[in-house]
Structures are given as structure tokens and as C-alpha cells.
N, C-alpha and C. Protein backbone atom coordinates (compact mmCIF):
# COMPACT_ATOMS: atom_id res chain seq x y z
N UNK A 1 67.97 44.66 39.95
CA UNK A 1 66.82 44.44 38.94
C UNK A 1 65.75 44.24 40.00
N UNK A 2 65.88 43.47 40.77
CA UNK A 2 64.58 43.01 41.38
C UNK A 2 64.26 44.45 42.48
N UNK A 3 64.98 44.91 43.07
CA UNK A 3 64.54 45.93 43.73
C UNK A 3 63.75 47.03 42.94
N UNK A 4 64.38 47.45 41.77
CA UNK A 4 63.59 48.31 40.59
C UNK A 4 62.04 47.82 40.57
N UNK A 5 61.92 46.36 40.56
CA UNK A 5 60.76 45.75 40.10
C UNK A 5 59.89 45.62 41.49
N UNK A 6 60.42 45.62 42.47
CA UNK A 6 59.76 45.68 43.77
C UNK A 6 59.07 47.20 43.94
N UNK A 7 59.80 48.09 43.57
CA UNK A 7 59.40 49.68 43.85
C UNK A 7 58.27 49.89 42.97
N UNK A 8 58.36 49.59 41.43
CA UNK A 8 57.33 49.80 40.68
C UNK A 8 56.08 48.86 40.76
N UNK A 9 56.31 47.64 41.04
CA UNK A 9 55.20 46.80 41.36
C UNK A 9 54.40 47.64 42.58
N UNK A 10 54.94 47.87 43.56
CA UNK A 10 54.16 48.35 44.95
C UNK A 10 53.91 49.91 44.75
N UNK A 11 54.25 50.74 43.98
CA UNK A 11 54.10 51.99 43.44
C UNK A 11 53.01 52.15 42.59
N UNK A 12 52.90 50.52 41.80
CA UNK A 12 51.32 50.47 41.32
C UNK A 12 50.27 50.26 42.09
N UNK A 13 50.57 49.56 42.89
CA UNK A 13 49.45 48.99 44.02
C UNK A 13 49.07 50.36 44.73
N UNK A 14 50.18 51.16 45.18
CA UNK A 14 50.06 52.40 45.75
C UNK A 14 48.91 53.46 44.98
N UNK A 15 49.41 53.42 43.48
CA UNK A 15 48.64 54.36 42.90
C UNK A 15 47.13 53.80 42.64
N UNK A 16 47.01 52.65 42.35
CA UNK A 16 45.73 52.48 41.85
C UNK A 16 44.62 51.91 42.89
N UNK A 17 45.45 51.85 44.10
CA UNK A 17 44.35 51.53 45.02
C UNK A 17 43.50 52.51 46.06
N UNK A 18 42.26 52.57 46.15
CA UNK A 18 41.77 53.44 47.49
C UNK A 18 41.16 52.68 48.29
N UNK A 19 41.10 53.61 49.65
CA UNK A 19 40.36 52.84 50.74
C UNK A 19 41.30 52.45 51.63
N UNK A 20 42.52 52.60 51.70
CA UNK A 20 43.39 52.07 52.67
C UNK A 20 44.01 50.68 52.40
N UNK A 21 44.61 50.25 53.51
CA UNK A 21 45.64 48.99 53.34
C UNK A 21 44.79 47.87 53.19
N UNK A 22 43.41 47.49 53.68
CA UNK A 22 42.54 46.70 53.59
C UNK A 22 42.27 46.19 52.03
N UNK A 23 41.84 47.48 51.28
CA UNK A 23 41.50 47.56 50.24
C UNK A 23 42.64 47.19 49.15
N UNK A 24 44.07 47.58 49.55
CA UNK A 24 45.06 46.88 48.75
C UNK A 24 45.17 45.57 48.85
N UNK A 25 44.63 45.04 49.93
CA UNK A 25 45.24 43.50 49.81
C UNK A 25 44.90 42.59 48.71
N UNK A 26 43.67 42.95 47.67
CA UNK A 26 43.43 42.09 46.77
C UNK A 26 44.53 42.49 45.62
N UNK A 27 45.12 43.54 45.41
CA UNK A 27 45.76 43.82 44.56
C UNK A 27 47.37 43.38 44.95
N UNK A 28 47.73 43.49 45.94
CA UNK A 28 48.88 42.87 46.40
C UNK A 28 48.98 41.50 46.29
N UNK A 29 48.18 40.80 46.44
CA UNK A 29 47.70 39.46 46.32
C UNK A 29 47.74 39.07 44.98
N UNK A 30 47.20 39.78 43.73
CA UNK A 30 47.24 39.36 42.63
C UNK A 30 48.76 39.63 41.88
N UNK A 31 49.20 40.93 42.49
CA UNK A 31 50.61 41.24 41.98
C UNK A 31 51.88 40.13 42.63
N UNK A 32 51.68 39.75 43.69
CA UNK A 32 52.90 38.90 44.30
C UNK A 32 52.51 37.65 44.41
N UNK A 33 51.83 37.10 44.14
CA UNK A 33 51.04 35.54 43.72
C UNK A 33 51.05 35.73 42.09
N UNK A 34 49.91 36.34 41.74
CA UNK A 34 49.76 35.93 40.47
C UNK A 34 50.58 36.29 39.20
N UNK A 35 50.93 37.51 39.21
CA UNK A 35 51.51 38.19 38.27
C UNK A 35 52.98 38.14 38.43
N UNK A 36 53.63 37.97 39.45
CA UNK A 36 55.07 37.70 39.76
C UNK A 36 55.35 36.57 40.58
N UNK A 37 54.64 35.69 41.15
CA UNK A 37 54.68 34.20 41.59
C UNK A 37 55.83 34.52 42.73
N UNK A 38 56.01 35.55 43.28
CA UNK A 38 56.91 35.90 44.74
C UNK A 38 56.51 34.85 45.85
N UNK A 39 55.41 34.88 46.11
CA UNK A 39 54.94 34.15 47.10
C UNK A 39 53.92 33.20 46.93
N UNK A 40 53.87 32.26 47.87
CA UNK A 40 52.55 31.45 47.85
C UNK A 40 51.45 31.99 48.55
N UNK A 41 50.14 31.38 48.35
CA UNK A 41 48.90 31.94 48.96
C UNK A 41 49.45 31.71 50.88
N UNK A 42 49.80 30.39 50.94
CA UNK A 42 50.13 30.28 52.43
C UNK A 42 51.13 31.80 52.99
N UNK A 43 52.29 31.47 52.34
CA UNK A 43 53.16 33.15 52.45
C UNK A 43 52.27 34.29 52.77
N UNK A 44 51.48 34.43 51.74
CA UNK A 44 50.81 35.74 51.61
C UNK A 44 50.14 35.57 53.01
N UNK A 45 49.16 34.67 53.08
CA UNK A 45 48.32 34.81 54.45
C UNK A 45 49.13 35.18 55.71
N UNK A 46 50.30 34.61 56.11
CA UNK A 46 51.35 34.49 56.91
C UNK A 46 51.68 36.27 56.93
N UNK A 47 52.09 36.46 55.70
CA UNK A 47 52.68 37.82 55.97
C UNK A 47 51.32 38.97 56.01
N UNK A 48 50.19 38.81 55.74
CA UNK A 48 49.22 39.74 56.02
C UNK A 48 48.73 39.52 57.40
N UNK A 49 49.10 38.20 58.31
CA UNK A 49 48.99 38.04 59.73
C UNK A 49 49.74 38.75 60.47
N UNK A 50 51.15 38.68 60.12
CA UNK A 50 52.09 39.53 60.76
C UNK A 50 52.23 41.09 60.37
N UNK A 51 51.66 41.49 59.20
CA UNK A 51 51.57 42.80 59.06
C UNK A 51 50.24 43.35 59.81
N UNK A 52 49.20 42.68 60.22
CA UNK A 52 48.43 43.12 61.10
C UNK A 52 48.76 43.40 62.52
N UNK A 53 49.65 42.56 63.13
CA UNK A 53 49.85 41.92 64.42
C UNK A 53 50.93 43.44 64.56
N UNK A 54 51.72 44.09 63.52
CA UNK A 54 52.81 44.72 63.86
C UNK A 54 52.29 46.25 63.47
N UNK A 55 52.87 47.11 64.35
CA UNK A 55 52.14 48.69 64.36
C UNK A 55 52.40 49.16 63.09
N UNK A 56 51.51 50.09 62.42
CA UNK A 56 51.74 50.60 61.08
C UNK A 56 50.31 49.90 60.12
N UNK A 57 50.41 50.68 59.20
CA UNK A 57 49.41 50.39 58.11
C UNK A 57 49.63 49.24 57.44
N UNK A 58 48.55 48.17 57.15
CA UNK A 58 49.06 46.96 56.74
C UNK A 58 49.62 46.82 55.31
N UNK A 59 49.28 47.77 54.53
CA UNK A 59 49.72 47.78 53.29
C UNK A 59 51.28 48.16 53.20
N UNK A 60 51.85 49.19 54.26
CA UNK A 60 53.12 49.13 54.27
C UNK A 60 53.69 48.26 54.67
N UNK A 61 53.21 47.75 55.92
CA UNK A 61 53.67 46.32 56.58
C UNK A 61 54.09 45.33 55.58
N UNK A 62 53.12 44.94 55.07
CA UNK A 62 53.07 43.78 53.63
C UNK A 62 53.86 44.29 52.73
N UNK A 63 54.09 45.41 52.31
CA UNK A 63 55.16 45.91 51.21
C UNK A 63 56.67 45.67 51.81
N UNK A 64 56.54 45.93 53.13
CA UNK A 64 58.38 45.83 53.72
C UNK A 64 58.46 44.35 53.95
N UNK A 65 57.65 43.51 54.20
CA UNK A 65 57.67 42.18 54.66
C UNK A 65 58.22 41.41 53.36
N UNK A 66 57.26 41.94 52.11
CA UNK A 66 57.53 41.12 50.81
C UNK A 66 58.80 41.46 50.52
N UNK A 67 59.14 42.95 50.27
CA UNK A 67 60.16 43.25 49.98
C UNK A 67 61.73 42.74 50.36
N UNK A 68 61.59 42.70 52.00
CA UNK A 68 62.88 42.44 52.67
C UNK A 68 62.89 40.56 52.40
N UNK A 69 61.79 39.99 52.30
CA UNK A 69 61.95 38.62 51.93
C UNK A 69 62.37 38.15 50.75
N UNK A 70 62.12 39.31 49.61
CA UNK A 70 62.88 39.27 48.00
C UNK A 70 64.09 39.33 48.16
N UNK A 71 64.43 40.70 48.72
CA UNK A 71 65.73 41.26 48.56
C UNK A 71 66.23 42.10 49.48
N UNK A 72 66.30 41.44 51.10
CA UNK A 72 66.58 42.16 52.03
C UNK A 72 66.18 43.49 52.42
N UNK A 73 67.00 44.22 52.95
CA UNK A 73 66.85 45.57 53.26
C UNK A 73 66.73 46.39 52.19
N UNK A 74 67.59 46.60 50.86
CA UNK A 74 67.23 47.26 49.92
C UNK A 74 65.80 46.96 49.41
N UNK A 75 65.10 45.65 49.28
CA UNK A 75 64.03 45.25 48.66
C UNK A 75 63.02 45.95 49.37
N UNK A 76 62.95 45.99 51.24
CA UNK A 76 61.88 46.37 51.81
C UNK A 76 61.71 47.71 51.87
N UNK A 77 63.08 48.39 51.48
CA UNK A 77 63.16 49.78 51.54
C UNK A 77 62.34 50.37 50.11
N UNK A 78 62.57 49.40 49.24
CA UNK A 78 61.97 49.96 47.83
C UNK A 78 60.29 49.68 47.87
N UNK A 79 60.28 48.64 48.42
CA UNK A 79 58.66 48.17 48.29
C UNK A 79 57.84 49.21 49.02
N UNK A 80 58.42 49.64 50.40
CA UNK A 80 57.92 50.55 51.29
C UNK A 80 57.95 51.58 50.57
N UNK A 81 58.91 52.36 50.00
CA UNK A 81 58.57 53.26 49.42
C UNK A 81 57.99 53.61 48.22
N UNK A 82 57.66 52.48 47.32
CA UNK A 82 56.51 52.58 46.30
C UNK A 82 55.29 52.53 46.72
N UNK A 83 55.25 52.06 47.68
CA UNK A 83 53.80 51.57 48.20
C UNK A 83 53.09 53.12 48.93
N UNK A 84 54.07 53.80 49.45
CA UNK A 84 54.02 55.00 49.97
C UNK A 84 53.95 56.44 49.42
N UNK A 85 54.84 56.52 48.29
CA UNK A 85 55.16 57.32 47.57
C UNK A 85 53.85 58.15 46.53
N UNK A 86 53.09 56.96 45.88
CA UNK A 86 52.01 57.66 45.20
C UNK A 86 50.89 58.08 46.38
N UNK A 87 50.66 57.47 47.43
CA UNK A 87 49.56 58.01 48.26
C UNK A 87 50.18 59.34 48.83
N UNK A 88 51.23 59.60 49.19
CA UNK A 88 51.75 60.90 49.91
C UNK A 88 51.48 62.11 48.75
N UNK A 89 51.97 61.84 47.36
CA UNK A 89 52.02 62.69 46.03
C UNK A 89 50.11 62.89 46.18
N UNK A 90 49.49 61.88 45.73
CA UNK A 90 47.98 61.84 45.89
C UNK A 90 47.46 62.90 46.94
N UNK A 91 47.53 62.44 48.23
CA UNK A 91 47.07 62.79 49.27
C UNK A 91 47.35 64.60 49.52
N UNK A 92 48.35 64.99 49.31
CA UNK A 92 48.91 66.17 49.23
C UNK A 92 48.12 67.07 48.04
N UNK A 93 48.05 66.52 47.04
CA UNK A 93 47.27 67.31 45.75
C UNK A 93 45.92 67.22 46.14
N UNK A 94 45.27 65.90 46.60
CA UNK A 94 43.91 65.93 46.82
C UNK A 94 43.37 66.42 48.21
N UNK A 95 44.31 66.84 49.03
CA UNK A 95 43.69 67.64 50.33
C UNK A 95 43.88 69.03 49.81
N UNK A 96 44.75 69.77 48.82
CA UNK A 96 44.67 70.92 48.41
C UNK A 96 43.47 71.30 47.79
N UNK A 97 43.00 70.69 47.08
CA UNK A 97 41.62 70.55 46.13
C UNK A 97 40.47 70.16 46.99
N UNK A 98 40.60 69.48 47.65
CA UNK A 98 39.44 69.25 48.51
C UNK A 98 39.08 70.04 49.40
N UNK A 99 39.88 70.66 50.03
CA UNK A 99 39.58 72.03 51.10
C UNK A 99 38.82 73.10 50.19
N UNK A 100 39.29 73.24 48.99
CA UNK A 100 38.62 74.30 48.19
C UNK A 100 37.39 73.71 48.01
N UNK A 101 37.06 72.65 47.49
CA UNK A 101 35.96 72.04 46.55
C UNK A 101 34.92 71.07 47.13
N UNK A 102 35.34 70.85 48.56
CA UNK A 102 34.45 69.55 49.34
C UNK A 102 33.22 69.85 49.33
N UNK A 103 32.15 71.09 49.18
CA UNK A 103 30.86 71.25 48.88
C UNK A 103 30.49 71.29 47.94
N UNK A 104 31.11 70.86 46.80
CA UNK A 104 30.57 70.96 45.43
C UNK A 104 29.98 69.56 45.29
N UNK A 105 28.68 69.77 44.58
CA UNK A 105 27.80 68.40 44.43
C UNK A 105 28.44 67.18 43.66
N UNK A 106 29.44 67.88 42.78
CA UNK A 106 30.15 66.33 42.06
C UNK A 106 31.15 66.01 42.88
N UNK A 107 31.77 66.49 43.91
CA UNK A 107 32.76 65.87 44.78
C UNK A 107 31.88 64.88 45.75
N UNK A 108 30.80 65.50 46.38
CA UNK A 108 30.12 64.89 47.27
C UNK A 108 29.33 63.59 46.08
N UNK A 109 29.24 63.72 45.06
CA UNK A 109 28.64 62.52 44.39
C UNK A 109 29.80 61.42 44.17
N UNK A 110 31.08 61.78 44.04
CA UNK A 110 32.16 60.80 43.71
C UNK A 110 32.22 60.05 44.87
N UNK A 111 32.24 60.97 46.14
CA UNK A 111 32.53 59.67 47.47
C UNK A 111 31.30 59.02 47.80
N UNK A 112 30.02 59.41 47.00
CA UNK A 112 29.20 58.34 47.52
C UNK A 112 29.33 57.22 46.66
N UNK A 113 29.65 57.29 45.59
CA UNK A 113 30.11 56.24 44.47
C UNK A 113 31.17 55.52 45.16
N UNK A 114 32.12 55.99 45.48
CA UNK A 114 33.44 55.21 45.76
C UNK A 114 33.41 54.34 47.21
N UNK A 115 32.44 54.94 48.10
CA UNK A 115 32.34 54.03 49.42
C UNK A 115 31.68 52.65 49.21
N UNK A 116 30.75 52.43 48.40
CA UNK A 116 30.53 51.07 48.28
C UNK A 116 31.47 50.38 47.67
N UNK A 117 32.50 51.12 46.45
CA UNK A 117 33.47 50.09 45.98
C UNK A 117 34.33 49.88 46.92
N UNK A 118 34.77 50.49 47.87
CA UNK A 118 35.76 50.45 48.84
C UNK A 118 35.29 49.46 49.89
N UNK A 119 34.00 49.13 50.05
CA UNK A 119 33.34 48.29 51.10
C UNK A 119 33.65 46.88 50.17
N UNK A 120 33.52 47.00 49.02
CA UNK A 120 33.67 45.86 48.07
C UNK A 120 34.93 44.92 47.96
N UNK A 121 35.88 46.15 47.85
CA UNK A 121 37.41 45.54 47.84
C UNK A 121 37.63 44.99 49.23
N UNK A 122 37.32 45.61 50.33
CA UNK A 122 37.51 45.07 51.60
C UNK A 122 36.97 43.78 51.87
N UNK A 123 35.41 43.73 51.54
CA UNK A 123 35.29 42.02 51.57
C UNK A 123 35.53 40.99 50.87
N UNK A 124 36.24 41.57 49.63
CA UNK A 124 36.78 40.58 48.64
C UNK A 124 38.06 40.18 49.31
N UNK A 125 39.00 41.25 50.13
CA UNK A 125 39.93 40.74 50.79
C UNK A 125 39.84 39.89 51.83
N UNK A 126 38.79 39.86 52.57
CA UNK A 126 38.13 39.30 53.77
C UNK A 126 37.84 37.82 53.56
N UNK A 127 37.17 37.56 52.35
CA UNK A 127 36.39 36.51 51.94
C UNK A 127 38.25 35.70 51.32
N UNK A 128 39.05 36.57 50.80
CA UNK A 128 40.25 35.54 49.93
C UNK A 128 40.97 35.19 51.31
N UNK A 129 41.05 35.93 52.54
CA UNK A 129 41.93 35.64 53.67
C UNK A 129 41.08 34.54 54.19
N UNK A 130 39.78 34.54 54.33
CA UNK A 130 39.06 33.41 54.76
C UNK A 130 39.26 32.21 54.16
N UNK A 131 39.31 32.01 53.05
CA UNK A 131 39.40 31.22 52.18
C UNK A 131 40.63 30.39 52.50
N UNK A 132 41.69 31.32 52.75
CA UNK A 132 43.24 30.27 52.81
C UNK A 132 43.56 30.14 54.19
N UNK A 133 42.78 31.10 54.97
CA UNK A 133 43.09 30.79 56.58
C UNK A 133 42.45 29.33 57.46
N UNK A 134 41.08 29.05 56.86
CA UNK A 134 40.51 27.97 57.37
C UNK A 134 40.98 26.66 56.64
N UNK A 135 42.08 26.19 56.93
CA UNK A 135 42.67 24.85 56.57
C UNK A 135 41.93 23.68 57.30
N UNK A 136 41.50 24.11 58.69
CA UNK A 136 41.09 22.63 59.50
C UNK A 136 39.90 23.52 60.03
N UNK A 137 39.43 22.51 61.00
CA UNK A 137 38.20 23.08 61.80
C UNK A 137 38.42 23.88 63.22
N UNK A 138 39.57 24.06 63.33
CA UNK A 138 39.87 24.64 64.40
C UNK A 138 40.04 26.31 64.01
N UNK A 139 40.35 26.68 62.81
CA UNK A 139 40.62 28.04 62.21
C UNK A 139 39.07 28.68 62.48
N UNK A 140 38.09 28.14 62.02
CA UNK A 140 36.86 28.75 62.02
C UNK A 140 36.33 28.77 63.43
N UNK A 141 36.87 27.84 64.30
CA UNK A 141 36.56 27.91 65.84
C UNK A 141 36.95 29.13 66.12
N UNK A 142 38.56 29.47 66.04
CA UNK A 142 38.92 30.20 66.37
C UNK A 142 38.61 31.87 66.35
N UNK A 143 38.30 31.78 64.80
CA UNK A 143 37.60 33.10 64.37
C UNK A 143 36.43 33.45 65.11
N UNK A 144 35.77 32.62 65.00
CA UNK A 144 34.26 32.67 65.84
C UNK A 144 34.39 33.09 67.26
N UNK A 145 35.37 32.77 68.04
CA UNK A 145 35.56 32.66 69.44
C UNK A 145 36.15 34.24 69.41
N UNK A 146 37.06 34.71 68.61
CA UNK A 146 37.58 35.92 68.46
C UNK A 146 36.39 36.95 68.26
N UNK A 147 35.48 36.71 67.15
CA UNK A 147 34.45 37.77 66.70
C UNK A 147 33.73 37.71 67.80
N UNK A 148 32.90 36.93 68.63
CA UNK A 148 32.33 36.81 69.45
C UNK A 148 33.06 37.63 70.69
N UNK A 149 34.07 37.31 71.20
CA UNK A 149 34.64 37.81 72.16
C UNK A 149 34.83 39.47 71.83
N UNK A 150 34.93 39.88 70.76
CA UNK A 150 35.13 41.26 70.43
C UNK A 150 33.70 42.24 70.51
N UNK A 151 32.96 41.41 69.88
CA UNK A 151 31.54 42.08 69.39
C UNK A 151 30.55 41.92 71.07
N UNK A 152 30.87 40.61 71.38
CA UNK A 152 29.86 40.58 72.86
C UNK A 152 30.56 41.06 74.05
N UNK A 153 31.63 40.77 74.15
CA UNK A 153 32.18 40.91 75.47
C UNK A 153 33.36 42.06 75.50
N UNK A 154 33.47 42.81 74.25
CA UNK A 154 34.44 44.09 74.09
C UNK A 154 35.80 43.47 74.16
N UNK A 155 36.15 42.23 73.82
CA UNK A 155 37.45 41.94 74.04
C UNK A 155 38.55 42.93 73.02
N UNK A 156 39.60 43.08 73.65
CA UNK A 156 40.74 44.33 73.08
C UNK A 156 41.45 43.40 71.99
N UNK A 157 41.29 43.94 70.82
CA UNK A 157 42.34 43.29 69.72
C UNK A 157 43.66 42.78 70.24
N UNK A 158 44.25 43.60 70.72
CA UNK A 158 45.51 42.90 71.11
C UNK A 158 45.42 41.62 71.86
N UNK A 159 44.47 41.77 73.08
CA UNK A 159 44.36 40.60 73.80
C UNK A 159 43.54 39.24 73.05
N UNK A 160 43.10 39.89 71.67
CA UNK A 160 42.24 38.45 70.92
C UNK A 160 43.45 38.15 69.81
N UNK A 161 44.32 38.93 69.55
CA UNK A 161 45.60 38.29 68.66
C UNK A 161 46.39 37.31 69.79
N UNK A 162 46.65 37.73 70.95
CA UNK A 162 47.40 37.17 72.21
C UNK A 162 46.76 35.78 72.38
N UNK A 163 45.49 35.64 72.31
CA UNK A 163 45.00 34.27 73.07
C UNK A 163 44.71 33.70 71.39
N UNK A 164 44.42 34.24 70.59
CA UNK A 164 44.34 33.57 69.27
C UNK A 164 45.80 32.63 69.19
N UNK A 165 46.90 33.34 69.50
CA UNK A 165 48.49 32.76 69.25
C UNK A 165 48.77 31.82 70.29
N UNK A 166 48.27 31.94 71.23
CA UNK A 166 48.36 31.01 72.60
C UNK A 166 47.55 29.52 71.87
N UNK A 167 46.35 30.04 71.55
CA UNK A 167 45.23 28.45 71.27
C UNK A 167 46.10 27.95 69.99
N UNK A 168 46.70 28.69 69.13
CA UNK A 168 47.64 28.04 68.01
C UNK A 168 48.63 27.55 68.29
N UNK A 169 49.74 27.99 69.33
CA UNK A 169 50.38 27.11 69.82
C UNK A 169 50.05 25.75 70.53
N UNK A 170 49.03 25.93 71.09
CA UNK A 170 48.52 24.45 71.77
C UNK A 170 48.28 23.77 70.99
N UNK A 171 47.41 24.02 69.81
CA UNK A 171 46.64 23.61 69.19
C UNK A 171 47.55 22.57 67.90
N UNK A 172 48.59 23.65 67.45
CA UNK A 172 49.35 23.22 66.26
C UNK A 172 50.88 22.80 66.92
């Protein structure tokens, strides 16, 4: 029963979220923390952090980790399949239609309306993660250091993750 629930929950997330993995984070959070109470906010933030560090899309990685935590390998397969299937079906249908109608004014207008909405979804996810991640003064300091390192000194994201992990081990 849990495997089917995982599949259906993540299929709903995959079906109703546009804008990629980061835009899915608020809906994943709402479903797994609020609707089903499968994880705590701390566990959710940890899963997002691990999903960020591992290869692949954050939504797929998150689904896999949540599914595995709740129901082992069958749960991981169900959650991952659920989050991927709607996107796969939609993208095949959309690509076919888009290639045919991409220059239509209505299609261009739809994309102009979707861009700000997707930006807002990503911002909401970022704010939610910031609130849960900054539990002490070290969190914001690490975040600012990584941001400055990446923007000012062109620090590679992998190196930023490794350095932040080392600082975390030293401090915590």
C-alpha cells in the first residue's frame, strides 16, 4: 500500500509542477511533510542537501531518497517512477506540439506568463530551505562565504560543497 501511495503522491508532484526540480521542492515539502507527515522538516532539508550533492535532478533524487527511506528499494522505484512518468509523457506530447506551434503568439504569451511563476516557485523553495537551514550563526556565515566564493572568486560548485562539508565537520 505504501508503494502505491508513494507512486501516486510523486506522480501528482510530477504532474502539477512546472519549472524543474527546484520548482518541485515546495510541493514535495507540502506532500511529504504536511499532507502525509512522512518526514520532519529537518529530515527534508537533509534529503534536499543530499539530493543536491548527488548526480541527477533534485526532484528525482529527492523522490528516490524519500521512497527508499519509507519503503526500501520498491519505495524508491515507485517514487522515482511516479515523479518521472508524468514529465516524460508531458514532454513527449509538448515537444511534438511545440515544434509545430512555437511561433504562435498565444504560445509566446504563455511562456511570458510562466517565467515569473516559475521564478516565484524557486524563490519560495529557497526561502523555505534558508529558514530550515540556518539553525545557528554558523549557517548564514557558511552560506555567505560560499555565495561570495562562487560569485566573486568563481569557486566551482563541487569545491564549494566539499569546503562547506569540511567546515561542517570541523564546527559540528
